[in-house]
Amino acid sequence: MILKRLQVQTPQDFLTNSYVVCDENSKEAMVIDPGGEPERIAEALDILGANLKYIFITHCHADHIGGISKLKELKGGKILISREDSEGLYNEEISLAYYINMQNPELEADSRVDDNDLIHVGNLEFKVISTPGHTKGGLSLYCEKERLVFSGDTMFSGSWGRTDLPTGDFTELMESITNKFMTLPDETIVYPGHRKDNNDTGREKYIYRS
């Protein structure tokens, strides 16, 4: 498995972690949360020689979906999002696109995914975990084989996402962390929607996992 993290810039200088996951053998790939700079994400896919199969959205906030339209235009890929958050793709009152001076993408998801759905990228298998709280339809993506989970804005390093935005709920967020994340194996690595590793000073990072 090849995992590339890009800190992509959105309007108002927000930095969001976008992830490119690629199966080394089939070269199938998935992009998680293309919040901005879609050309950079497309370039990363080209460097890997990857074919984009899915664009997975952990939640519908604008800083996680800002590059989705252009990326799909450039590289294809099916857009996956939860049923509850799919409205945010065309409703800026939910996505908060106006808050960061961004135009809402106004497009439909190709598929709406649910808790415990399985997503396959080449030989890699990812399990969808419903983790509401930051938004009502927040999702995380767990790969048991690679011992990692993409948490979106549910969890950060030493903290968690906001719950004072539309559809957020603090009690639900705590339940997601307690009942979903804390039940994963101790060796599971969390890849969050924002912030970077303490020893990581760059905006790009390749992580090769076997």
N, C-alpha and C. Protein backbone atom coordinates (compact mmCIF):
# COMPACT_ATOMS: atom_id res chain seq x y z
N MET A 1 0.84 -1.19 0.00
CA MET A 1 0.00 0.00 0.00
C MET A 1 0.87 1.25 0.00
N ILE A 2 0.50 2.21 -0.84
CA ILE A 2 1.15 3.51 -0.82
C ILE A 2 0.14 4.53 -0.29
N LEU A 3 0.56 5.29 0.69
CA LEU A 3 -0.29 6.32 1.28
C LEU A 3 0.44 7.65 1.20
N LYS A 4 -0.18 8.61 0.55
CA LYS A 4 0.41 9.94 0.42
C LYS A 4 -0.52 10.96 1.06
N ARG A 5 0.01 11.74 1.98
CA ARG A 5 -0.76 12.81 2.57
C ARG A 5 -0.32 14.14 1.98
N LEU A 6 -1.31 14.92 1.55
CA LEU A 6 -1.05 16.27 1.09
C LEU A 6 -1.84 17.24 1.95
N GLN A 7 -1.19 18.24 2.49
CA GLN A 7 -1.90 19.31 3.16
C GLN A 7 -2.30 20.31 2.09
N VAL A 8 -3.57 20.31 1.73
CA VAL A 8 -4.04 21.16 0.64
C VAL A 8 -4.63 22.44 1.21
N GLN A 9 -4.45 23.51 0.44
CA GLN A 9 -4.88 24.83 0.89
C GLN A 9 -6.25 25.14 0.35
N THR A 10 -7.09 25.68 1.21
CA THR A 10 -8.43 26.12 0.83
C THR A 10 -8.50 27.62 1.03
N PRO A 11 -9.55 28.29 0.52
CA PRO A 11 -9.68 29.72 0.77
C PRO A 11 -9.60 30.04 2.27
N GLN A 12 -9.16 31.23 2.58
CA GLN A 12 -8.93 31.67 3.96
C GLN A 12 -7.74 30.96 4.59
N ASP A 13 -6.90 30.32 3.74
CA ASP A 13 -5.66 29.70 4.19
C ASP A 13 -5.86 28.54 5.17
N PHE A 14 -6.99 27.86 5.10
CA PHE A 14 -7.16 26.63 5.84
C PHE A 14 -6.32 25.53 5.19
N LEU A 15 -5.69 24.70 5.99
CA LEU A 15 -4.96 23.54 5.49
C LEU A 15 -5.71 22.28 5.92
N THR A 16 -6.01 21.45 4.95
CA THR A 16 -6.73 20.21 5.19
C THR A 16 -5.88 19.03 4.73
N ASN A 17 -5.87 17.98 5.50
CA ASN A 17 -5.17 16.76 5.10
C ASN A 17 -5.99 15.99 4.08
N SER A 18 -5.46 15.90 2.88
CA SER A 18 -6.06 15.05 1.85
C SER A 18 -5.14 13.84 1.67
N TYR A 19 -5.72 12.67 1.52
CA TYR A 19 -4.93 11.45 1.44
C TYR A 19 -5.16 10.74 0.11
N VAL A 20 -4.06 10.26 -0.47
CA VAL A 20 -4.12 9.40 -1.65
C VAL A 20 -3.71 8.00 -1.21
N VAL A 21 -4.59 7.05 -1.40
CA VAL A 21 -4.32 5.65 -1.06
C VAL A 21 -4.24 4.87 -2.35
N CYS A 22 -3.16 4.12 -2.54
CA CYS A 22 -2.97 3.41 -3.80
C CYS A 22 -2.53 1.97 -3.53
N ASP A 23 -3.17 1.04 -4.22
CA ASP A 23 -2.74 -0.36 -4.18
C ASP A 23 -1.56 -0.51 -5.13
N GLU A 24 -0.45 -0.99 -4.61
CA GLU A 24 0.79 -1.03 -5.39
C GLU A 24 0.71 -1.94 -6.61
N ASN A 25 -0.09 -2.99 -6.54
CA ASN A 25 -0.15 -3.95 -7.64
C ASN A 25 -1.10 -3.52 -8.74
N SER A 26 -2.34 -3.21 -8.37
CA SER A 26 -3.34 -2.86 -9.38
C SER A 26 -3.28 -1.41 -9.81
N LYS A 27 -2.66 -0.55 -8.97
CA LYS A 27 -2.59 0.89 -9.18
C LYS A 27 -3.96 1.57 -9.07
N GLU A 28 -4.93 0.86 -8.51
CA GLU A 28 -6.19 1.51 -8.18
C GLU A 28 -5.95 2.44 -6.99
N ALA A 29 -6.68 3.57 -6.98
CA ALA A 29 -6.44 4.56 -5.93
C ALA A 29 -7.75 5.15 -5.42
N MET A 30 -7.67 5.70 -4.23
CA MET A 30 -8.77 6.43 -3.63
C MET A 30 -8.21 7.72 -3.05
N VAL A 31 -8.92 8.81 -3.24
CA VAL A 31 -8.57 10.08 -2.62
C VAL A 31 -9.57 10.37 -1.51
N ILE A 32 -9.06 10.73 -0.35
CA ILE A 32 -9.91 11.04 0.80
C ILE A 32 -9.85 12.55 1.06
N ASP A 33 -11.00 13.18 1.05
CA ASP A 33 -11.17 14.60 1.38
C ASP A 33 -10.31 15.55 0.53
N PRO A 34 -10.63 15.69 -0.75
CA PRO A 34 -9.92 16.66 -1.59
C PRO A 34 -10.41 18.08 -1.31
N GLY A 35 -9.90 18.68 -0.24
CA GLY A 35 -10.41 19.97 0.20
C GLY A 35 -10.00 21.14 -0.66
N GLY A 36 -8.95 20.99 -1.44
CA GLY A 36 -8.47 22.07 -2.30
C GLY A 36 -7.32 21.58 -3.15
N GLU A 37 -6.78 22.47 -3.97
CA GLU A 37 -5.65 22.17 -4.84
C GLU A 37 -5.82 20.85 -5.61
N PRO A 38 -6.91 20.72 -6.35
CA PRO A 38 -7.15 19.46 -7.06
C PRO A 38 -6.07 19.11 -8.07
N GLU A 39 -5.45 20.14 -8.65
CA GLU A 39 -4.38 19.86 -9.62
C GLU A 39 -3.20 19.17 -8.95
N ARG A 40 -2.88 19.57 -7.72
CA ARG A 40 -1.80 18.93 -6.98
C ARG A 40 -2.13 17.47 -6.67
N ILE A 41 -3.37 17.23 -6.32
CA ILE A 41 -3.80 15.86 -6.03
C ILE A 41 -3.73 15.03 -7.31
N ALA A 42 -4.19 15.60 -8.41
CA ALA A 42 -4.13 14.89 -9.70
C ALA A 42 -2.69 14.59 -10.09
N GLU A 43 -1.79 15.54 -9.83
CA GLU A 43 -0.38 15.32 -10.13
C GLU A 43 0.19 14.17 -9.30
N ALA A 44 -0.21 14.10 -8.04
CA ALA A 44 0.25 12.99 -7.19
C ALA A 44 -0.22 11.65 -7.74
N LEU A 45 -1.45 11.61 -8.23
CA LEU A 45 -1.96 10.38 -8.85
C LEU A 45 -1.16 10.03 -10.10
N ASP A 46 -0.83 11.04 -10.90
CA ASP A 46 -0.05 10.80 -12.11
C ASP A 46 1.34 10.27 -11.78
N ILE A 47 1.97 10.84 -10.77
CA ILE A 47 3.30 10.39 -10.37
C ILE A 47 3.27 8.91 -9.95
N LEU A 48 2.20 8.53 -9.29
CA LEU A 48 2.06 7.13 -8.86
C LEU A 48 1.61 6.22 -10.00
N GLY A 49 1.20 6.80 -11.11
CA GLY A 49 0.64 6.01 -12.20
C GLY A 49 -0.66 5.35 -11.80
N ALA A 50 -1.44 6.06 -10.97
CA ALA A 50 -2.63 5.48 -10.35
C ALA A 50 -3.90 5.83 -11.12
N ASN A 51 -4.86 4.94 -11.06
CA ASN A 51 -6.18 5.16 -11.62
C ASN A 51 -7.15 5.43 -10.47
N LEU A 52 -7.78 6.59 -10.48
CA LEU A 52 -8.65 6.98 -9.38
C LEU A 52 -9.97 6.24 -9.46
N LYS A 53 -10.25 5.45 -8.44
CA LYS A 53 -11.50 4.68 -8.39
C LYS A 53 -12.55 5.39 -7.56
N TYR A 54 -12.14 5.93 -6.40
CA TYR A 54 -13.11 6.55 -5.49
C TYR A 54 -12.58 7.89 -4.96
N ILE A 55 -13.51 8.79 -4.71
CA ILE A 55 -13.26 10.01 -3.95
C ILE A 55 -14.12 9.89 -2.70
N PHE A 56 -13.49 9.66 -1.56
CA PHE A 56 -14.22 9.40 -0.32
C PHE A 56 -14.25 10.67 0.53
N ILE A 57 -15.46 11.05 0.96
CA ILE A 57 -15.64 12.27 1.74
C ILE A 57 -16.02 11.88 3.17
N THR A 58 -15.17 12.27 4.13
CA THR A 58 -15.47 11.92 5.53
C THR A 58 -16.62 12.74 6.08
N HIS A 59 -16.75 13.99 5.63
CA HIS A 59 -17.89 14.83 6.01
C HIS A 59 -17.97 16.00 5.04
N CYS A 60 -19.08 16.72 5.09
CA CYS A 60 -19.42 17.62 3.99
C CYS A 60 -18.93 19.05 4.15
N HIS A 61 -18.09 19.36 5.11
CA HIS A 61 -17.63 20.74 5.26
C HIS A 61 -16.78 21.17 4.07
N ALA A 62 -16.86 22.46 3.75
CA ALA A 62 -16.26 22.98 2.53
C ALA A 62 -14.76 22.74 2.45
N ASP A 63 -14.07 22.78 3.59
CA ASP A 63 -12.62 22.59 3.54
C ASP A 63 -12.23 21.14 3.29
N HIS A 64 -13.22 20.26 3.14
CA HIS A 64 -12.95 18.86 2.79
C HIS A 64 -13.49 18.48 1.41
N ILE A 65 -14.28 19.36 0.81
CA ILE A 65 -14.88 19.05 -0.49
C ILE A 65 -14.53 20.09 -1.56
N GLY A 66 -13.70 21.08 -1.22
CA GLY A 66 -13.46 22.20 -2.12
C GLY A 66 -12.88 21.84 -3.46
N GLY A 67 -12.11 20.75 -3.55
CA GLY A 67 -11.50 20.37 -4.82
C GLY A 67 -12.19 19.23 -5.53
N ILE A 68 -13.34 18.85 -5.03
CA ILE A 68 -13.98 17.61 -5.49
C ILE A 68 -14.43 17.70 -6.96
N SER A 69 -15.02 18.81 -7.36
CA SER A 69 -15.53 18.93 -8.73
C SER A 69 -14.40 18.87 -9.75
N LYS A 70 -13.35 19.65 -9.52
CA LYS A 70 -12.24 19.70 -10.46
C LYS A 70 -11.49 18.37 -10.49
N LEU A 71 -11.31 17.76 -9.32
CA LEU A 71 -10.61 16.47 -9.29
C LEU A 71 -11.37 15.42 -10.08
N LYS A 72 -12.68 15.39 -9.93
CA LYS A 72 -13.48 14.42 -10.69
C LYS A 72 -13.39 14.70 -12.18
N GLU A 73 -13.37 15.99 -12.54
CA GLU A 73 -13.22 16.36 -13.96
C GLU A 73 -11.88 15.89 -14.50
N LEU A 74 -10.82 16.03 -13.71
CA LEU A 74 -9.48 15.69 -14.17
C LEU A 74 -9.22 14.18 -14.19
N LYS A 75 -9.69 13.47 -13.15
CA LYS A 75 -9.27 12.08 -12.96
C LYS A 75 -10.41 11.08 -12.85
N GLY A 76 -11.66 11.54 -12.89
CA GLY A 76 -12.76 10.62 -12.73
C GLY A 76 -12.90 10.20 -11.27
N GLY A 77 -13.39 9.00 -11.06
CA GLY A 77 -13.58 8.50 -9.70
C GLY A 77 -15.00 8.73 -9.22
N LYS A 78 -15.52 7.76 -8.46
CA LYS A 78 -16.87 7.86 -7.91
C LYS A 78 -16.84 8.54 -6.55
N ILE A 79 -17.73 9.50 -6.36
CA ILE A 79 -17.80 10.23 -5.10
C ILE A 79 -18.63 9.44 -4.10
N LEU A 80 -18.04 9.18 -2.94
CA LEU A 80 -18.70 8.44 -1.87
C LEU A 80 -18.85 9.34 -0.65
N ILE A 81 -20.05 9.39 -0.08
CA ILE A 81 -20.31 10.20 1.11
C ILE A 81 -21.47 9.55 1.85
N SER A 82 -21.66 9.91 3.10
CA SER A 82 -22.77 9.35 3.87
C SER A 82 -24.09 9.94 3.37
N ARG A 83 -25.17 9.21 3.63
CA ARG A 83 -26.49 9.70 3.24
C ARG A 83 -26.81 11.02 3.94
N GLU A 84 -26.47 11.09 5.24
CA GLU A 84 -26.81 12.27 6.03
C GLU A 84 -26.07 13.52 5.58
N ASP A 85 -24.82 13.37 5.12
CA ASP A 85 -24.02 14.54 4.75
C ASP A 85 -24.08 14.87 3.26
N SER A 86 -24.76 14.05 2.48
CA SER A 86 -24.77 14.29 1.03
C SER A 86 -25.41 15.61 0.66
N GLU A 87 -26.32 16.10 1.48
CA GLU A 87 -26.97 17.38 1.20
C GLU A 87 -25.96 18.52 1.19
N GLY A 88 -24.89 18.37 1.96
CA GLY A 88 -23.88 19.43 2.02
C GLY A 88 -23.16 19.66 0.71
N LEU A 89 -23.23 18.71 -0.21
CA LEU A 89 -22.59 18.89 -1.51
C LEU A 89 -23.25 19.98 -2.34
N TYR A 90 -24.49 20.33 -2.00
CA TYR A 90 -25.17 21.39 -2.75
C TYR A 90 -25.88 22.40 -1.84
N ASN A 91 -25.63 22.34 -0.55
CA ASN A 91 -26.26 23.27 0.39
C ASN A 91 -25.17 23.93 1.22
N GLU A 92 -24.86 25.20 0.88
CA GLU A 92 -23.75 25.87 1.56
C GLU A 92 -24.08 26.23 3.01
N GLU A 93 -25.34 26.19 3.37
CA GLU A 93 -25.69 26.42 4.78
C GLU A 93 -25.20 25.26 5.65
N ILE A 94 -25.01 24.11 5.05
CA ILE A 94 -24.49 22.95 5.77
C ILE A 94 -22.99 22.81 5.55
N SER A 95 -22.54 23.02 4.32
CA SER A 95 -21.11 22.88 4.02
C SER A 95 -20.28 24.04 4.56
N LEU A 96 -20.96 25.19 4.79
CA LEU A 96 -20.28 26.41 5.26
C LEU A 96 -19.30 26.95 4.22
N ALA A 97 -19.59 26.72 2.96
CA ALA A 97 -18.71 27.22 1.90
C ALA A 97 -18.57 28.74 1.95
N TYR A 98 -19.66 29.43 2.25
CA TYR A 98 -19.61 30.90 2.31
C TYR A 98 -18.67 31.38 3.39
N TYR A 99 -18.48 30.58 4.45
CA TYR A 99 -17.66 30.98 5.59
C TYR A 99 -16.18 31.12 5.19
N ILE A 100 -15.75 30.33 4.21
CA ILE A 100 -14.36 30.43 3.76
C ILE A 100 -14.28 30.98 2.33
N ASN A 101 -15.31 31.73 1.94
CA ASN A 101 -15.35 32.38 0.62
C ASN A 101 -15.14 31.38 -0.52
N MET A 102 -15.83 30.27 -0.44
CA MET A 102 -15.71 29.23 -1.46
C MET A 102 -17.08 28.96 -2.08
N GLN A 103 -17.11 28.69 -3.36
CA GLN A 103 -18.35 28.32 -4.02
C GLN A 103 -18.66 26.85 -3.74
N ASN A 104 -19.89 26.57 -3.37
CA ASN A 104 -20.27 25.18 -3.12
C ASN A 104 -20.20 24.37 -4.41
N PRO A 105 -19.75 23.11 -4.34
CA PRO A 105 -19.59 22.33 -5.59
C PRO A 105 -20.89 22.04 -6.31
N GLU A 106 -22.00 21.90 -5.59
CA GLU A 106 -23.31 21.65 -6.18
C GLU A 106 -23.29 20.46 -7.13
N LEU A 107 -23.01 19.30 -6.60
CA LEU A 107 -23.05 18.08 -7.39
C LEU A 107 -23.58 16.95 -6.53
N GLU A 108 -23.96 15.89 -7.18
CA GLU A 108 -24.50 14.73 -6.49
C GLU A 108 -23.41 13.69 -6.27
N ALA A 109 -23.52 12.96 -5.17
CA ALA A 109 -22.61 11.84 -4.95
C ALA A 109 -22.96 10.70 -5.90
N ASP A 110 -21.96 9.91 -6.25
CA ASP A 110 -22.23 8.73 -7.07
C ASP A 110 -22.83 7.61 -6.22
N SER A 111 -22.41 7.53 -4.96
CA SER A 111 -22.96 6.53 -4.04
C SER A 111 -22.99 7.09 -2.64
N ARG A 112 -24.01 6.71 -1.88
CA ARG A 112 -24.10 7.06 -0.48
C ARG A 112 -23.80 5.81 0.33
N VAL A 113 -22.85 5.94 1.23
CA VAL A 113 -22.38 4.76 1.96
C VAL A 113 -22.88 4.79 3.40
N ASP A 114 -22.94 3.60 4.01
CA ASP A 114 -23.48 3.43 5.34
C ASP A 114 -22.47 2.75 6.25
N ASP A 115 -22.76 2.77 7.53
CA ASP A 115 -21.93 2.11 8.53
C ASP A 115 -21.71 0.64 8.16
N ASN A 116 -20.47 0.19 8.25
CA ASN A 116 -20.06 -1.20 7.99
C ASN A 116 -19.98 -1.57 6.51
N ASP A 117 -20.25 -0.62 5.61
CA ASP A 117 -20.00 -0.90 4.20
C ASP A 117 -18.51 -1.16 3.98
N LEU A 118 -18.20 -1.98 2.99
CA LEU A 118 -16.81 -2.28 2.66
C LEU A 118 -16.46 -1.66 1.30
N ILE A 119 -15.30 -1.03 1.25
CA ILE A 119 -14.81 -0.40 0.03
C ILE A 119 -13.51 -1.07 -0.36
N HIS A 120 -13.41 -1.49 -1.61
CA HIS A 120 -12.21 -2.19 -2.08
C HIS A 120 -11.47 -1.35 -3.11
N VAL A 121 -10.18 -1.20 -2.87
CA VAL A 121 -9.28 -0.51 -3.79
C VAL A 121 -8.16 -1.49 -4.09
N GLY A 122 -8.21 -2.11 -5.26
CA GLY A 122 -7.28 -3.21 -5.52
C GLY A 122 -7.49 -4.30 -4.49
N ASN A 123 -6.42 -4.72 -3.84
CA ASN A 123 -6.51 -5.74 -2.79
C ASN A 123 -6.70 -5.15 -1.40
N LEU A 124 -6.87 -3.86 -1.32
CA LEU A 124 -7.07 -3.21 -0.02
C LEU A 124 -8.55 -3.15 0.31
N GLU A 125 -8.87 -3.44 1.56
CA GLU A 125 -10.26 -3.38 2.01
C GLU A 125 -10.40 -2.36 3.13
N PHE A 126 -11.38 -1.48 3.00
CA PHE A 126 -11.65 -0.45 3.98
C PHE A 126 -13.08 -0.61 4.49
N LYS A 127 -13.24 -0.46 5.79
CA LYS A 127 -14.56 -0.55 6.41
C LYS A 127 -15.04 0.85 6.78
N VAL A 128 -16.24 1.17 6.36
CA VAL A 128 -16.84 2.46 6.69
C VAL A 128 -17.35 2.40 8.13
N ILE A 129 -16.97 3.41 8.92
CA ILE A 129 -17.43 3.50 10.30
C ILE A 129 -18.19 4.81 10.46
N SER A 130 -19.42 4.73 10.89
CA SER A 130 -20.21 5.92 11.14
C SER A 130 -19.73 6.58 12.43
N THR A 131 -19.27 7.83 12.33
CA THR A 131 -18.76 8.55 13.49
C THR A 131 -19.37 9.95 13.53
N PRO A 132 -20.67 10.05 13.83
CA PRO A 132 -21.32 11.36 13.89
C PRO A 132 -20.82 12.16 15.08
N GLY A 133 -21.05 13.45 15.00
CA GLY A 133 -20.69 14.35 16.09
C GLY A 133 -20.16 15.67 15.57
N HIS A 134 -19.10 15.59 14.75
CA HIS A 134 -18.62 16.81 14.09
C HIS A 134 -19.68 17.26 13.07
N THR A 135 -20.22 16.32 12.33
CA THR A 135 -21.44 16.49 11.55
C THR A 135 -22.30 15.27 11.79
N LYS A 136 -23.56 15.35 11.43
CA LYS A 136 -24.46 14.23 11.70
C LYS A 136 -24.13 13.00 10.85
N GLY A 137 -23.48 13.22 9.71
CA GLY A 137 -23.16 12.10 8.82
C GLY A 137 -21.67 11.82 8.72
N GLY A 138 -20.90 12.22 9.72
CA GLY A 138 -19.46 12.01 9.68
C GLY A 138 -19.08 10.54 9.57
N LEU A 139 -18.08 10.26 8.75
CA LEU A 139 -17.61 8.90 8.53
C LEU A 139 -16.11 8.81 8.81
N SER A 140 -15.68 7.63 9.21
CA SER A 140 -14.26 7.29 9.26
C SER A 140 -14.05 6.06 8.41
N LEU A 141 -12.80 5.79 8.07
CA LEU A 141 -12.50 4.69 7.15
C LEU A 141 -11.36 3.88 7.75
N TYR A 142 -11.65 2.60 8.02
CA TYR A 142 -10.71 1.74 8.75
C TYR A 142 -10.18 0.63 7.85
N CYS A 143 -8.86 0.44 7.87
CA CYS A 143 -8.23 -0.66 7.15
C CYS A 143 -7.56 -1.57 8.18
N GLU A 144 -8.15 -2.72 8.42
CA GLU A 144 -7.63 -3.63 9.44
C GLU A 144 -6.24 -4.15 9.06
N LYS A 145 -6.06 -4.49 7.80
CA LYS A 145 -4.78 -5.06 7.35
C LYS A 145 -3.63 -4.08 7.58
N GLU A 146 -3.86 -2.80 7.29
CA GLU A 146 -2.81 -1.80 7.41
C GLU A 146 -2.80 -1.12 8.78
N ARG A 147 -3.74 -1.46 9.62
CA ARG A 147 -3.79 -0.96 11.00
C ARG A 147 -3.88 0.57 11.04
N LEU A 148 -4.83 1.11 10.29
CA LEU A 148 -4.97 2.56 10.25
C LEU A 148 -6.44 2.94 10.08
N VAL A 149 -6.74 4.17 10.49
CA VAL A 149 -8.08 4.70 10.31
C VAL A 149 -7.97 6.17 9.92
N PHE A 150 -8.75 6.57 8.92
CA PHE A 150 -8.87 7.97 8.53
C PHE A 150 -10.07 8.53 9.27
N SER A 151 -9.83 9.53 10.12
CA SER A 151 -10.87 9.97 11.05
C SER A 151 -11.61 11.22 10.62
N GLY A 152 -11.21 11.84 9.49
CA GLY A 152 -11.82 13.12 9.18
C GLY A 152 -11.59 14.09 10.33
N ASP A 153 -12.62 14.84 10.71
CA ASP A 153 -12.49 15.78 11.82
C ASP A 153 -13.07 15.23 13.12
N THR A 154 -13.27 13.94 13.19
CA THR A 154 -13.74 13.35 14.44
C THR A 154 -12.65 13.37 15.49
N MET A 155 -11.43 13.02 15.09
CA MET A 155 -10.30 13.00 16.02
C MET A 155 -9.09 13.68 15.43
N PHE A 156 -8.35 14.38 16.30
CA PHE A 156 -7.05 14.95 15.96
C PHE A 156 -6.03 14.41 16.95
N SER A 157 -4.80 14.86 16.86
CA SER A 157 -3.77 14.47 17.80
C SER A 157 -4.03 15.17 19.13
N GLY A 158 -4.52 14.43 20.10
CA GLY A 158 -4.77 14.97 21.43
C GLY A 158 -6.06 15.75 21.58
N SER A 159 -6.90 15.76 20.56
CA SER A 159 -8.16 16.50 20.66
C SER A 159 -9.17 15.93 19.67
N TRP A 160 -10.27 16.66 19.50
CA TRP A 160 -11.32 16.20 18.60
C TRP A 160 -11.90 17.39 17.85
N GLY A 161 -12.79 17.11 16.92
CA GLY A 161 -13.35 18.15 16.08
C GLY A 161 -14.40 18.99 16.80
N ARG A 162 -14.69 20.13 16.21
CA ARG A 162 -15.71 21.03 16.76
C ARG A 162 -17.09 20.41 16.68
N THR A 163 -17.96 20.84 17.58
CA THR A 163 -19.35 20.38 17.55
C THR A 163 -20.33 21.55 17.57
N ASP A 164 -19.81 22.78 17.38
CA ASP A 164 -20.67 23.96 17.44
C ASP A 164 -21.08 24.45 16.06
N LEU A 165 -20.86 23.62 15.04
CA LEU A 165 -21.24 23.96 13.67
C LEU A 165 -22.54 23.24 13.31
N PRO A 166 -23.19 23.60 12.20
CA PRO A 166 -24.46 22.97 11.84
C PRO A 166 -24.38 21.45 11.83
N THR A 167 -25.34 20.82 12.45
CA THR A 167 -25.53 19.36 12.61
C THR A 167 -24.53 18.73 13.58
N GLY A 168 -23.66 19.52 14.21
CA GLY A 168 -22.72 18.97 15.18
C GLY A 168 -23.41 18.64 16.50
N ASP A 169 -22.85 17.66 17.23
CA ASP A 169 -23.43 17.25 18.51
C ASP A 169 -22.34 16.67 19.39
N PHE A 170 -22.05 17.32 20.52
CA PHE A 170 -20.94 16.90 21.37
C PHE A 170 -21.15 15.51 21.93
N THR A 171 -22.37 15.20 22.36
CA THR A 171 -22.63 13.87 22.93
C THR A 171 -22.38 12.78 21.90
N GLU A 172 -22.84 13.01 20.67
CA GLU A 172 -22.61 12.03 19.61
C GLU A 172 -21.13 11.86 19.32
N LEU A 173 -20.39 12.97 19.34
CA LEU A 173 -18.95 12.89 19.07
C LEU A 173 -18.25 12.05 20.13
N MET A 174 -18.58 12.27 21.39
CA MET A 174 -17.97 11.49 22.47
C MET A 174 -18.34 10.01 22.35
N GLU A 175 -19.56 9.75 21.96
CA GLU A 175 -19.98 8.35 21.77
C GLU A 175 -19.22 7.72 20.61
N SER A 176 -18.98 8.49 19.54
CA SER A 176 -18.22 7.96 18.41
C SER A 176 -16.80 7.60 18.82
N ILE A 177 -16.17 8.49 19.60
CA ILE A 177 -14.80 8.24 20.05
C ILE A 177 -14.76 7.05 20.99
N THR A 178 -15.69 7.00 21.94
CA THR A 178 -15.69 5.94 22.96
C THR A 178 -16.07 4.59 22.37
N ASN A 179 -17.14 4.58 21.57
CA ASN A 179 -17.69 3.30 21.10
C ASN A 179 -17.10 2.81 19.79
N LYS A 180 -16.48 3.69 19.03
CA LYS A 180 -15.93 3.30 17.74
C LYS A 180 -14.40 3.28 17.76
N PHE A 181 -13.78 4.41 18.06
CA PHE A 181 -12.32 4.49 18.01
C PHE A 181 -11.64 3.70 19.13
N MET A 182 -12.17 3.81 20.31
CA MET A 182 -11.51 3.16 21.45
C MET A 182 -11.67 1.64 21.44
N THR A 183 -12.49 1.13 20.54
CA THR A 183 -12.63 -0.31 20.41
C THR A 183 -11.72 -0.88 19.32
N LEU A 184 -11.03 -0.01 18.58
CA LEU A 184 -10.09 -0.48 17.57
C LEU A 184 -8.82 -0.99 18.26
N PRO A 185 -8.05 -1.85 17.61
CA PRO A 185 -6.81 -2.35 18.21
C PRO A 185 -5.87 -1.21 18.61
N ASP A 186 -5.13 -1.41 19.69
CA ASP A 186 -4.26 -0.36 20.23
C ASP A 186 -3.23 0.14 19.22
N GLU A 187 -2.80 -0.72 18.30
CA GLU A 187 -1.75 -0.34 17.36
C GLU A 187 -2.29 0.47 16.17
N THR A 188 -3.59 0.74 16.15
CA THR A 188 -4.18 1.48 15.03
C THR A 188 -3.66 2.91 14.98
N ILE A 189 -3.21 3.35 13.79
CA ILE A 189 -2.74 4.71 13.59
C ILE A 189 -3.90 5.55 13.06
N VAL A 190 -4.10 6.72 13.67
CA VAL A 190 -5.17 7.63 13.25
C VAL A 190 -4.59 8.70 12.33
N TYR A 191 -5.19 8.83 11.16
CA TYR A 191 -4.83 9.88 10.21
C TYR A 191 -5.97 10.90 10.17
N PRO A 192 -5.77 12.08 10.78
CA PRO A 192 -6.86 13.04 10.96
C PRO A 192 -7.04 13.97 9.77
N GLY A 193 -8.11 14.77 9.86
CA GLY A 193 -8.42 15.70 8.78
C GLY A 193 -7.59 16.96 8.79
N HIS A 194 -6.97 17.28 9.92
CA HIS A 194 -6.14 18.47 10.02
C HIS A 194 -4.94 18.18 10.92
N ARG A 195 -3.97 19.07 10.87
CA ARG A 195 -2.75 19.02 11.65
C ARG A 195 -1.80 17.96 11.08
N LYS A 196 -0.55 18.04 11.54
CA LYS A 196 0.46 17.13 11.02
C LYS A 196 1.23 16.51 12.17
N ASP A 197 2.03 15.48 11.83
CA ASP A 197 2.84 14.83 12.85
C ASP A 197 3.82 15.82 13.46
N ASN A 198 4.17 15.61 14.71
CA ASN A 198 5.07 16.53 15.41
C ASN A 198 6.42 16.67 14.72
N ASN A 199 6.89 15.60 14.08
CA ASN A 199 8.20 15.63 13.43
C ASN A 199 8.11 15.85 11.93
N ASP A 200 6.97 16.27 11.45
CA ASP A 200 6.75 16.45 10.02
C ASP A 200 6.65 17.94 9.71
N THR A 201 7.58 18.45 8.91
CA THR A 201 7.62 19.88 8.62
C THR A 201 7.16 20.21 7.21
N GLY A 202 6.84 19.23 6.41
CA GLY A 202 6.47 19.49 5.02
C GLY A 202 4.98 19.38 4.79
N ARG A 203 4.56 19.85 3.59
CA ARG A 203 3.15 19.78 3.23
C ARG A 203 2.83 18.48 2.51
N GLU A 204 3.82 17.68 2.20
CA GLU A 204 3.59 16.40 1.54
C GLU A 204 4.33 15.31 2.28
N LYS A 205 3.75 14.14 2.29
CA LYS A 205 4.40 13.03 2.97
C LYS A 205 3.97 11.71 2.33
N TYR A 206 4.96 10.93 1.92
CA TYR A 206 4.69 9.58 1.43
C TYR A 206 4.88 8.59 2.57
N ILE A 207 3.98 7.65 2.68
CA ILE A 207 4.09 6.61 3.70
C ILE A 207 3.89 5.28 2.99
N TYR A 208 4.92 4.46 2.97
CA TYR A 208 4.82 3.15 2.34
C TYR A 208 4.57 2.11 3.42
N ARG A 209 3.50 1.36 3.27
CA ARG A 209 3.13 0.37 4.27
C ARG A 209 3.07 -0.99 3.61
N SER A 210 3.54 -2.01 4.33
CA SER A 210 3.51 -3.37 3.77
C SER A 210 2.58 -4.25 4.58
